[in-house]
Amino acid sequence: MTTLLKKNQIDNELARKIRDRIKWDKRVSEADLEVVVRGGVVIVSGFVDTSYKKNAALNVISDTEGVWAVEDRIVVPADYFRTDEEITEILESQLAEMIKIGDEHIEVDVVDGIVKLEGEVYRPRLKAMAVASAWELSGVRDVLNFIEIKDPPRRVPLSMKSKFQKIFPRNGEDVILEENSKEVS
């Protein structure tokens, strides 16, 4: 039983490593492929729009340490395209994973394969990642970037302010230091 569990852990780790490599390779989109690993054998399936992307995915997978064999189930249909709704759904799910700060938001609108990104973010990196995610998807013809970078808020939340007042009440009086205080060196 422990041997089977160990094999599953190794397969899961290899699948994670492959997904990470695909994620960082700009020739292929992670959203296009499904990766399953069984005993060092990688089964890759999905739809891509060009043979170039298929070969790039297979190269990335086969060059990953720990891969014994690759079972190719990637399909390149002659008339492959994504609908605007599919592109919107995929992008919104990817952006939801990227946005972790409450006031940041990016709206996605897709018409005829042209993606329009609008919103406000604090991090320039997030803006770049959103645009890159849009370009990686098959079926995207153009990306219009209207994302603005704004300064993050610098205020102490009201809940923290009241906690400080409870701990350090001032009652409108000035703080008086003791006259006999000694300096510590």
N, C-alpha and C. Protein backbone atom coordinates (compact mmCIF):
# COMPACT_ATOMS: atom_id res chain seq x y z
N MET A 1 0.82 -1.19 0.00
CA MET A 1 0.00 0.00 0.00
C MET A 1 0.86 1.26 0.00
N THR A 2 1.94 1.25 0.79
CA THR A 2 2.80 2.44 0.84
C THR A 2 3.54 2.65 -0.48
N THR A 3 3.83 1.56 -1.20
CA THR A 3 4.49 1.68 -2.50
C THR A 3 3.58 2.38 -3.49
N LEU A 4 2.30 2.04 -3.50
CA LEU A 4 1.32 2.66 -4.39
C LEU A 4 1.17 4.14 -4.04
N LEU A 5 1.13 4.45 -2.76
CA LEU A 5 1.02 5.84 -2.32
C LEU A 5 2.24 6.64 -2.75
N LYS A 6 3.42 6.03 -2.62
CA LYS A 6 4.66 6.71 -3.02
C LYS A 6 4.66 6.97 -4.53
N LYS A 7 4.19 5.99 -5.33
CA LYS A 7 4.12 6.17 -6.78
C LYS A 7 3.17 7.30 -7.14
N ASN A 8 2.02 7.38 -6.44
CA ASN A 8 1.05 8.45 -6.69
C ASN A 8 1.66 9.82 -6.37
N GLN A 9 2.41 9.89 -5.28
CA GLN A 9 3.05 11.15 -4.92
C GLN A 9 4.08 11.55 -5.98
N ILE A 10 4.85 10.60 -6.46
CA ILE A 10 5.86 10.88 -7.50
C ILE A 10 5.16 11.33 -8.78
N ASP A 11 4.07 10.64 -9.16
CA ASP A 11 3.33 11.02 -10.37
C ASP A 11 2.72 12.42 -10.22
N ASN A 12 2.16 12.72 -9.06
CA ASN A 12 1.57 14.05 -8.83
C ASN A 12 2.63 15.14 -8.89
N GLU A 13 3.80 14.87 -8.34
CA GLU A 13 4.89 15.83 -8.37
C GLU A 13 5.39 16.05 -9.80
N LEU A 14 5.48 14.97 -10.57
CA LEU A 14 5.90 15.09 -11.96
C LEU A 14 4.87 15.87 -12.77
N ALA A 15 3.59 15.62 -12.54
CA ALA A 15 2.52 16.36 -13.25
C ALA A 15 2.59 17.84 -12.90
N ARG A 16 2.83 18.17 -11.65
CA ARG A 16 2.96 19.57 -11.23
C ARG A 16 4.16 20.23 -11.91
N LYS A 17 5.27 19.49 -11.97
CA LYS A 17 6.49 20.01 -12.60
C LYS A 17 6.24 20.28 -14.09
N ILE A 18 5.53 19.37 -14.75
CA ILE A 18 5.23 19.55 -16.18
C ILE A 18 4.32 20.75 -16.39
N ARG A 19 3.27 20.88 -15.55
CA ARG A 19 2.36 22.03 -15.68
C ARG A 19 3.10 23.34 -15.48
N ASP A 20 4.03 23.37 -14.53
CA ASP A 20 4.82 24.58 -14.30
C ASP A 20 5.67 24.91 -15.52
N ARG A 21 6.29 23.90 -16.12
CA ARG A 21 7.12 24.14 -17.31
C ARG A 21 6.27 24.63 -18.48
N ILE A 22 5.08 24.06 -18.65
CA ILE A 22 4.17 24.50 -19.72
C ILE A 22 3.72 25.93 -19.45
N LYS A 23 3.45 26.23 -18.19
CA LYS A 23 2.98 27.57 -17.81
C LYS A 23 4.00 28.64 -18.19
N TRP A 24 5.28 28.35 -18.03
CA TRP A 24 6.32 29.34 -18.29
C TRP A 24 6.83 29.33 -19.73
N ASP A 25 6.38 28.38 -20.53
CA ASP A 25 6.78 28.34 -21.94
C ASP A 25 5.77 29.15 -22.74
N LYS A 26 6.22 30.19 -23.40
CA LYS A 26 5.33 31.11 -24.10
C LYS A 26 4.79 30.55 -25.42
N ARG A 27 5.28 29.40 -25.85
CA ARG A 27 4.80 28.83 -27.11
C ARG A 27 3.48 28.09 -26.93
N VAL A 28 3.18 27.68 -25.72
CA VAL A 28 1.98 26.87 -25.45
C VAL A 28 1.17 27.49 -24.33
N SER A 29 -0.13 27.23 -24.33
CA SER A 29 -1.00 27.73 -23.28
C SER A 29 -1.40 26.58 -22.36
N GLU A 30 -1.28 26.80 -21.08
CA GLU A 30 -1.64 25.80 -20.08
C GLU A 30 -3.13 25.45 -20.18
N ALA A 31 -3.95 26.42 -20.60
CA ALA A 31 -5.40 26.21 -20.69
C ALA A 31 -5.78 25.22 -21.80
N ASP A 32 -4.89 25.02 -22.77
CA ASP A 32 -5.20 24.14 -23.90
C ASP A 32 -4.97 22.66 -23.61
N LEU A 33 -4.21 22.35 -22.57
CA LEU A 33 -3.75 20.97 -22.37
C LEU A 33 -4.18 20.39 -21.02
N GLU A 34 -4.38 19.08 -21.01
CA GLU A 34 -4.65 18.32 -19.79
C GLU A 34 -3.51 17.31 -19.65
N VAL A 35 -2.87 17.29 -18.48
CA VAL A 35 -1.72 16.41 -18.26
C VAL A 35 -2.06 15.42 -17.15
N VAL A 36 -1.87 14.12 -17.45
CA VAL A 36 -2.06 13.05 -16.46
C VAL A 36 -0.80 12.20 -16.48
N VAL A 37 -0.32 11.81 -15.29
CA VAL A 37 0.89 10.99 -15.20
C VAL A 37 0.55 9.69 -14.49
N ARG A 38 1.00 8.57 -15.08
CA ARG A 38 0.81 7.25 -14.48
C ARG A 38 2.11 6.48 -14.61
N GLY A 39 2.81 6.33 -13.50
CA GLY A 39 4.04 5.55 -13.50
C GLY A 39 5.13 6.12 -14.38
N GLY A 40 5.24 7.44 -14.45
CA GLY A 40 6.26 8.07 -15.27
C GLY A 40 5.85 8.25 -16.73
N VAL A 41 4.70 7.71 -17.11
CA VAL A 41 4.18 7.88 -18.47
C VAL A 41 3.21 9.05 -18.47
N VAL A 42 3.46 10.03 -19.31
CA VAL A 42 2.65 11.24 -19.36
C VAL A 42 1.62 11.10 -20.48
N ILE A 43 0.36 11.29 -20.12
CA ILE A 43 -0.72 11.29 -21.11
C ILE A 43 -1.15 12.75 -21.24
N VAL A 44 -0.92 13.31 -22.40
CA VAL A 44 -1.27 14.72 -22.64
C VAL A 44 -2.36 14.78 -23.69
N SER A 45 -3.43 15.52 -23.38
CA SER A 45 -4.54 15.66 -24.30
C SER A 45 -4.99 17.11 -24.35
N GLY A 46 -5.77 17.42 -25.35
CA GLY A 46 -6.29 18.78 -25.50
C GLY A 46 -6.34 19.19 -26.96
N PHE A 47 -6.70 20.45 -27.16
CA PHE A 47 -6.81 21.00 -28.51
C PHE A 47 -5.92 22.22 -28.62
N VAL A 48 -5.11 22.28 -29.67
CA VAL A 48 -4.31 23.46 -29.98
C VAL A 48 -4.58 23.85 -31.42
N ASP A 49 -4.31 25.10 -31.75
CA ASP A 49 -4.68 25.56 -33.09
C ASP A 49 -3.59 25.40 -34.14
N THR A 50 -2.35 25.04 -33.74
CA THR A 50 -1.29 24.85 -34.73
C THR A 50 -0.43 23.65 -34.36
N SER A 51 0.20 23.07 -35.35
CA SER A 51 1.14 21.97 -35.12
C SER A 51 2.36 22.45 -34.35
N TYR A 52 2.72 23.70 -34.55
CA TYR A 52 3.84 24.29 -33.83
C TYR A 52 3.61 24.20 -32.31
N LYS A 53 2.41 24.56 -31.87
CA LYS A 53 2.09 24.51 -30.44
C LYS A 53 2.07 23.07 -29.93
N LYS A 54 1.59 22.15 -30.75
CA LYS A 54 1.57 20.74 -30.35
C LYS A 54 3.01 20.24 -30.15
N ASN A 55 3.87 20.49 -31.12
CA ASN A 55 5.26 20.05 -31.03
C ASN A 55 5.99 20.72 -29.86
N ALA A 56 5.70 22.00 -29.63
CA ALA A 56 6.32 22.71 -28.51
C ALA A 56 5.91 22.07 -27.19
N ALA A 57 4.64 21.72 -27.04
CA ALA A 57 4.16 21.08 -25.81
C ALA A 57 4.83 19.72 -25.62
N LEU A 58 4.92 18.95 -26.68
CA LEU A 58 5.55 17.63 -26.59
C LEU A 58 7.03 17.75 -26.24
N ASN A 59 7.72 18.75 -26.79
CA ASN A 59 9.13 18.97 -26.46
C ASN A 59 9.31 19.34 -24.99
N VAL A 60 8.45 20.23 -24.49
CA VAL A 60 8.55 20.64 -23.09
C VAL A 60 8.34 19.43 -22.17
N ILE A 61 7.36 18.61 -22.50
CA ILE A 61 7.04 17.45 -21.66
C ILE A 61 8.16 16.42 -21.72
N SER A 62 8.62 16.10 -22.92
CA SER A 62 9.64 15.05 -23.04
C SER A 62 10.99 15.48 -22.46
N ASP A 63 11.25 16.79 -22.39
CA ASP A 63 12.51 17.27 -21.81
C ASP A 63 12.46 17.38 -20.28
N THR A 64 11.33 17.07 -19.68
CA THR A 64 11.18 17.16 -18.23
C THR A 64 11.79 15.92 -17.58
N GLU A 65 12.59 16.14 -16.55
CA GLU A 65 13.23 15.04 -15.84
C GLU A 65 12.18 14.17 -15.15
N GLY A 66 12.32 12.85 -15.33
CA GLY A 66 11.39 11.90 -14.72
C GLY A 66 10.36 11.34 -15.67
N VAL A 67 10.29 11.90 -16.89
CA VAL A 67 9.32 11.41 -17.89
C VAL A 67 9.92 10.21 -18.61
N TRP A 68 9.22 9.08 -18.56
CA TRP A 68 9.69 7.87 -19.23
C TRP A 68 9.14 7.76 -20.64
N ALA A 69 7.89 8.18 -20.82
CA ALA A 69 7.26 8.11 -22.14
C ALA A 69 6.15 9.14 -22.20
N VAL A 70 5.76 9.53 -23.42
CA VAL A 70 4.69 10.51 -23.61
C VAL A 70 3.66 9.90 -24.55
N GLU A 71 2.42 9.85 -24.08
CA GLU A 71 1.31 9.41 -24.92
C GLU A 71 0.61 10.66 -25.43
N ASP A 72 0.70 10.89 -26.73
CA ASP A 72 0.21 12.12 -27.36
C ASP A 72 -1.24 11.96 -27.78
N ARG A 73 -2.12 12.74 -27.14
CA ARG A 73 -3.53 12.78 -27.53
C ARG A 73 -3.95 14.21 -27.88
N ILE A 74 -2.98 15.02 -28.24
CA ILE A 74 -3.26 16.42 -28.60
C ILE A 74 -3.82 16.45 -30.02
N VAL A 75 -4.90 17.18 -30.19
CA VAL A 75 -5.57 17.27 -31.49
C VAL A 75 -5.38 18.68 -32.05
N VAL A 76 -5.06 18.73 -33.35
CA VAL A 76 -4.96 20.01 -34.05
C VAL A 76 -6.03 20.02 -35.14
N PRO A 77 -7.24 20.45 -34.82
CA PRO A 77 -8.29 20.48 -35.85
C PRO A 77 -8.02 21.57 -36.89
N ALA A 78 -8.45 21.30 -38.10
CA ALA A 78 -8.21 22.25 -39.19
C ALA A 78 -8.98 23.55 -38.98
N ASP A 79 -10.14 23.48 -38.37
CA ASP A 79 -10.98 24.67 -38.21
C ASP A 79 -11.19 25.03 -36.74
N TYR A 80 -10.15 24.88 -35.93
CA TYR A 80 -10.27 25.10 -34.48
C TYR A 80 -10.34 26.59 -34.13
N PHE A 81 -11.30 26.92 -33.32
CA PHE A 81 -11.39 28.27 -32.76
C PHE A 81 -12.20 28.20 -31.47
N ARG A 82 -12.00 29.21 -30.63
CA ARG A 82 -12.77 29.32 -29.40
C ARG A 82 -13.82 30.40 -29.58
N THR A 83 -14.97 30.17 -28.96
CA THR A 83 -16.01 31.21 -28.99
C THR A 83 -15.61 32.32 -28.02
N ASP A 84 -16.22 33.47 -28.18
CA ASP A 84 -15.95 34.59 -27.29
C ASP A 84 -16.28 34.23 -25.84
N GLU A 85 -17.35 33.47 -25.65
CA GLU A 85 -17.76 33.07 -24.30
C GLU A 85 -16.71 32.16 -23.65
N GLU A 86 -16.15 31.23 -24.44
CA GLU A 86 -15.11 30.34 -23.91
C GLU A 86 -13.86 31.14 -23.51
N ILE A 87 -13.46 32.08 -24.36
CA ILE A 87 -12.30 32.91 -24.06
C ILE A 87 -12.55 33.72 -22.79
N THR A 88 -13.73 34.30 -22.68
CA THR A 88 -14.08 35.09 -21.49
C THR A 88 -14.04 34.23 -20.23
N GLU A 89 -14.62 33.05 -20.29
CA GLU A 89 -14.67 32.16 -19.13
C GLU A 89 -13.26 31.74 -18.68
N ILE A 90 -12.42 31.37 -19.63
CA ILE A 90 -11.05 30.95 -19.30
C ILE A 90 -10.26 32.11 -18.69
N LEU A 91 -10.34 33.29 -19.32
CA LEU A 91 -9.59 34.44 -18.82
C LEU A 91 -10.06 34.86 -17.43
N GLU A 92 -11.36 34.86 -17.21
CA GLU A 92 -11.88 35.26 -15.90
C GLU A 92 -11.41 34.30 -14.81
N SER A 93 -11.36 33.00 -15.11
CA SER A 93 -10.90 32.05 -14.10
C SER A 93 -9.39 32.23 -13.84
N GLN A 94 -8.61 32.49 -14.89
CA GLN A 94 -7.17 32.72 -14.70
C GLN A 94 -6.92 34.00 -13.91
N LEU A 95 -7.67 35.05 -14.20
CA LEU A 95 -7.49 36.33 -13.50
C LEU A 95 -7.92 36.21 -12.04
N ALA A 96 -8.94 35.42 -11.77
CA ALA A 96 -9.39 35.23 -10.39
C ALA A 96 -8.29 34.60 -9.54
N GLU A 97 -7.48 33.74 -10.15
CA GLU A 97 -6.36 33.13 -9.42
C GLU A 97 -5.24 34.14 -9.18
N MET A 98 -5.09 35.11 -10.07
CA MET A 98 -4.00 36.09 -9.96
C MET A 98 -4.32 37.20 -8.97
N ILE A 99 -5.58 37.62 -8.92
CA ILE A 99 -5.96 38.78 -8.11
C ILE A 99 -6.20 38.32 -6.68
N LYS A 100 -5.37 38.80 -5.78
CA LYS A 100 -5.47 38.42 -4.37
C LYS A 100 -5.78 39.61 -3.46
N ILE A 101 -5.67 40.83 -3.97
CA ILE A 101 -5.94 42.02 -3.18
C ILE A 101 -7.34 42.51 -3.51
N GLY A 102 -8.12 42.80 -2.48
CA GLY A 102 -9.54 43.11 -2.62
C GLY A 102 -9.91 44.23 -3.58
N ASP A 103 -9.15 45.33 -3.59
CA ASP A 103 -9.53 46.47 -4.42
C ASP A 103 -9.09 46.34 -5.88
N GLU A 104 -8.28 45.33 -6.20
CA GLU A 104 -7.86 45.14 -7.58
C GLU A 104 -8.96 44.42 -8.35
N HIS A 105 -9.18 44.84 -9.57
CA HIS A 105 -10.17 44.15 -10.41
C HIS A 105 -9.83 44.36 -11.88
N ILE A 106 -10.15 43.33 -12.66
CA ILE A 106 -9.96 43.40 -14.11
C ILE A 106 -11.22 42.83 -14.75
N GLU A 107 -11.82 43.61 -15.62
CA GLU A 107 -13.02 43.19 -16.35
C GLU A 107 -12.59 42.68 -17.72
N VAL A 108 -13.25 41.62 -18.19
CA VAL A 108 -12.92 41.01 -19.48
C VAL A 108 -14.13 41.12 -20.40
N ASP A 109 -13.88 41.61 -21.61
CA ASP A 109 -14.92 41.68 -22.63
C ASP A 109 -14.31 41.17 -23.94
N VAL A 110 -14.97 40.21 -24.58
CA VAL A 110 -14.45 39.62 -25.82
C VAL A 110 -15.50 39.75 -26.92
N VAL A 111 -15.09 40.32 -28.05
CA VAL A 111 -15.96 40.45 -29.21
C VAL A 111 -15.16 40.06 -30.45
N ASP A 112 -15.60 39.04 -31.15
CA ASP A 112 -14.94 38.55 -32.37
C ASP A 112 -13.46 38.22 -32.15
N GLY A 113 -13.14 37.65 -31.00
CA GLY A 113 -11.76 37.26 -30.72
C GLY A 113 -10.86 38.39 -30.25
N ILE A 114 -11.42 39.58 -30.12
CA ILE A 114 -10.65 40.73 -29.63
C ILE A 114 -10.97 40.90 -28.15
N VAL A 115 -9.94 40.77 -27.31
CA VAL A 115 -10.10 40.83 -25.86
C VAL A 115 -9.87 42.26 -25.39
N LYS A 116 -10.80 42.77 -24.60
CA LYS A 116 -10.66 44.10 -24.01
C LYS A 116 -10.55 43.91 -22.49
N LEU A 117 -9.42 44.35 -21.92
CA LEU A 117 -9.18 44.24 -20.48
C LEU A 117 -9.27 45.64 -19.88
N GLU A 118 -10.12 45.80 -18.87
CA GLU A 118 -10.28 47.08 -18.18
C GLU A 118 -10.23 46.84 -16.69
N GLY A 119 -9.73 47.82 -15.94
CA GLY A 119 -9.74 47.70 -14.50
C GLY A 119 -8.61 48.47 -13.86
N GLU A 120 -8.45 48.22 -12.56
CA GLU A 120 -7.41 48.90 -11.79
C GLU A 120 -6.67 47.87 -10.94
N VAL A 121 -5.35 47.96 -10.95
CA VAL A 121 -4.51 47.07 -10.15
C VAL A 121 -3.43 47.90 -9.47
N TYR A 122 -2.84 47.35 -8.42
CA TYR A 122 -1.75 48.01 -7.71
C TYR A 122 -0.39 47.58 -8.26
N ARG A 123 -0.32 46.39 -8.83
CA ARG A 123 0.96 45.80 -9.24
C ARG A 123 1.12 45.79 -10.76
N PRO A 124 2.18 46.42 -11.28
CA PRO A 124 2.42 46.39 -12.73
C PRO A 124 2.57 44.97 -13.26
N ARG A 125 3.13 44.09 -12.45
CA ARG A 125 3.32 42.69 -12.86
C ARG A 125 1.98 42.02 -13.15
N LEU A 126 0.95 42.34 -12.36
CA LEU A 126 -0.38 41.76 -12.58
C LEU A 126 -0.96 42.22 -13.92
N LYS A 127 -0.73 43.46 -14.26
CA LYS A 127 -1.19 43.98 -15.55
C LYS A 127 -0.54 43.20 -16.69
N ALA A 128 0.78 43.00 -16.60
CA ALA A 128 1.51 42.27 -17.64
C ALA A 128 1.06 40.82 -17.71
N MET A 129 0.82 40.20 -16.56
CA MET A 129 0.39 38.80 -16.55
C MET A 129 -1.00 38.64 -17.16
N ALA A 130 -1.88 39.60 -16.93
CA ALA A 130 -3.23 39.53 -17.49
C ALA A 130 -3.18 39.61 -19.02
N VAL A 131 -2.37 40.51 -19.53
CA VAL A 131 -2.23 40.66 -20.98
C VAL A 131 -1.60 39.40 -21.59
N ALA A 132 -0.57 38.87 -20.94
CA ALA A 132 0.09 37.66 -21.44
C ALA A 132 -0.87 36.48 -21.44
N SER A 133 -1.69 36.36 -20.41
CA SER A 133 -2.68 35.27 -20.34
C SER A 133 -3.66 35.36 -21.50
N ALA A 134 -4.06 36.56 -21.84
CA ALA A 134 -5.00 36.74 -22.95
C ALA A 134 -4.35 36.33 -24.27
N TRP A 135 -3.11 36.75 -24.49
CA TRP A 135 -2.43 36.44 -25.75
C TRP A 135 -2.16 34.95 -25.90
N GLU A 136 -2.00 34.23 -24.80
CA GLU A 136 -1.68 32.80 -24.87
C GLU A 136 -2.85 31.95 -25.36
N LEU A 137 -4.06 32.44 -25.24
CA LEU A 137 -5.23 31.63 -25.58
C LEU A 137 -5.42 31.53 -27.10
N SER A 138 -5.73 30.34 -27.54
CA SER A 138 -6.05 30.14 -28.95
C SER A 138 -7.37 30.84 -29.25
N GLY A 139 -7.45 31.46 -30.41
CA GLY A 139 -8.67 32.15 -30.81
C GLY A 139 -8.64 33.64 -30.55
N VAL A 140 -7.63 34.12 -29.82
CA VAL A 140 -7.51 35.55 -29.53
C VAL A 140 -6.80 36.21 -30.71
N ARG A 141 -7.47 37.22 -31.30
CA ARG A 141 -6.89 37.93 -32.44
C ARG A 141 -6.16 39.19 -32.03
N ASP A 142 -6.62 39.84 -30.95
CA ASP A 142 -5.99 41.07 -30.49
C ASP A 142 -6.35 41.27 -29.01
N VAL A 143 -5.51 42.04 -28.30
CA VAL A 143 -5.77 42.36 -26.90
C VAL A 143 -5.68 43.87 -26.73
N LEU A 144 -6.77 44.46 -26.24
CA LEU A 144 -6.80 45.89 -25.94
C LEU A 144 -6.64 46.03 -24.44
N ASN A 145 -5.57 46.71 -24.02
CA ASN A 145 -5.23 46.80 -22.61
C ASN A 145 -5.59 48.18 -22.06
N PHE A 146 -6.65 48.24 -21.24
CA PHE A 146 -7.06 49.48 -20.59
C PHE A 146 -6.96 49.34 -19.07
N ILE A 147 -6.02 48.53 -18.61
CA ILE A 147 -5.82 48.33 -17.18
C ILE A 147 -4.95 49.47 -16.66
N GLU A 148 -5.40 50.11 -15.58
CA GLU A 148 -4.65 51.21 -14.98
C GLU A 148 -3.95 50.73 -13.71
N ILE A 149 -2.77 51.25 -13.48
CA ILE A 149 -2.04 50.94 -12.25
C ILE A 149 -2.26 52.11 -11.30
N LYS A 150 -2.79 51.80 -10.11
CA LYS A 150 -3.04 52.86 -9.13
C LYS A 150 -2.19 52.63 -7.89
N ASP A 151 -2.03 53.69 -7.10
CA ASP A 151 -1.26 53.59 -5.87
C ASP A 151 -2.05 52.83 -4.82
N PRO A 152 -1.40 51.94 -4.09
CA PRO A 152 -2.11 51.21 -3.03
C PRO A 152 -2.49 52.15 -1.89
N PRO A 153 -3.55 51.86 -1.17
CA PRO A 153 -3.94 52.73 -0.05
C PRO A 153 -2.89 52.71 1.04
N ARG A 154 -2.69 53.85 1.68
CA ARG A 154 -1.66 53.99 2.72
C ARG A 154 -2.27 54.21 4.10
N ARG A 155 -3.56 54.07 4.23
CA ARG A 155 -4.23 54.37 5.49
C ARG A 155 -4.29 53.14 6.39
N VAL A 156 -4.40 53.40 7.68
CA VAL A 156 -4.62 52.34 8.64
C VAL A 156 -6.12 52.06 8.63
N PRO A 157 -6.53 50.82 8.51
CA PRO A 157 -7.97 50.52 8.53
C PRO A 157 -8.62 51.01 9.82
N LEU A 158 -9.89 51.37 9.74
CA LEU A 158 -10.60 51.90 10.89
C LEU A 158 -10.60 50.93 12.06
N SER A 159 -10.68 49.65 11.78
CA SER A 159 -10.68 48.66 12.86
C SER A 159 -9.37 48.72 13.64
N MET A 160 -8.25 48.96 12.98
CA MET A 160 -6.96 49.06 13.64
C MET A 160 -6.88 50.34 14.46
N LYS A 161 -7.45 51.42 13.93
CA LYS A 161 -7.41 52.70 14.63
C LYS A 161 -8.10 52.58 15.99
N SER A 162 -9.25 51.94 16.03
CA SER A 162 -9.97 51.80 17.29
C SER A 162 -9.21 50.90 18.26
N LYS A 163 -8.52 49.89 17.76
CA LYS A 163 -7.72 49.02 18.63
C LYS A 163 -6.58 49.80 19.27
N PHE A 164 -5.93 50.69 18.49
CA PHE A 164 -4.85 51.50 19.03
C PHE A 164 -5.38 52.47 20.09
N GLN A 165 -6.57 53.01 19.86
CA GLN A 165 -7.14 53.94 20.83
C GLN A 165 -7.47 53.24 22.13
N LYS A 166 -7.89 51.99 22.07
CA LYS A 166 -8.19 51.23 23.29
C LYS A 166 -6.90 50.93 24.05
N ILE A 167 -5.84 50.61 23.32
CA ILE A 167 -4.57 50.26 23.97
C ILE A 167 -3.88 51.52 24.49
N PHE A 168 -3.91 52.60 23.74
CA PHE A 168 -3.22 53.84 24.10
C PHE A 168 -4.22 55.00 24.16
N PRO A 169 -5.06 55.05 25.19
CA PRO A 169 -6.04 56.15 25.26
C PRO A 169 -5.32 57.48 25.55
N ARG A 170 -5.76 58.53 24.87
CA ARG A 170 -5.11 59.84 25.05
C ARG A 170 -6.04 60.82 25.76
N ASN A 171 -7.32 60.68 25.59
CA ASN A 171 -8.32 61.54 26.23
C ASN A 171 -8.04 63.03 26.01
N GLY A 172 -7.47 63.39 24.91
CA GLY A 172 -7.20 64.79 24.61
C GLY A 172 -6.06 65.39 25.40
N GLU A 173 -5.39 64.62 26.23
CA GLU A 173 -4.29 65.15 27.03
C GLU A 173 -2.96 64.90 26.33
N ASP A 174 -2.01 65.76 26.56
CA ASP A 174 -0.67 65.55 26.02
C ASP A 174 0.03 64.52 26.88
N VAL A 175 0.90 63.76 26.30
CA VAL A 175 1.65 62.76 27.03
C VAL A 175 2.79 63.46 27.77
N ILE A 176 2.90 63.18 29.08
CA ILE A 176 3.95 63.80 29.89
C ILE A 176 4.94 62.71 30.28
N LEU A 177 6.19 62.93 29.99
CA LEU A 177 7.22 61.98 30.35
C LEU A 177 7.69 62.25 31.76
N GLU A 178 8.11 61.22 32.42
CA GLU A 178 8.62 61.39 33.78
C GLU A 178 9.93 62.18 33.75
N GLU A 179 10.09 63.02 34.78
CA GLU A 179 11.30 63.83 34.86
C GLU A 179 12.51 62.99 35.28
N ASN A 180 12.26 61.91 35.98
CA ASN A 180 13.35 61.10 36.49
C ASN A 180 13.76 59.97 35.57
N SER A 181 13.35 60.03 34.35
CA SER A 181 13.68 58.94 33.44
C SER A 181 15.16 58.96 33.12
N LYS A 182 15.72 57.79 33.02
CA LYS A 182 17.16 57.66 32.77
C LYS A 182 17.40 57.18 31.35
N GLU A 183 18.46 57.58 30.77
CA GLU A 183 18.81 57.16 29.44
C GLU A 183 19.57 55.85 29.53
N VAL A 184 19.21 54.91 28.69
CA VAL A 184 19.84 53.60 28.69
C VAL A 184 20.81 53.54 27.52
N SER A 185 22.03 53.10 27.80
CA SER A 185 23.01 53.05 26.73
C SER A 185 23.16 51.65 26.21
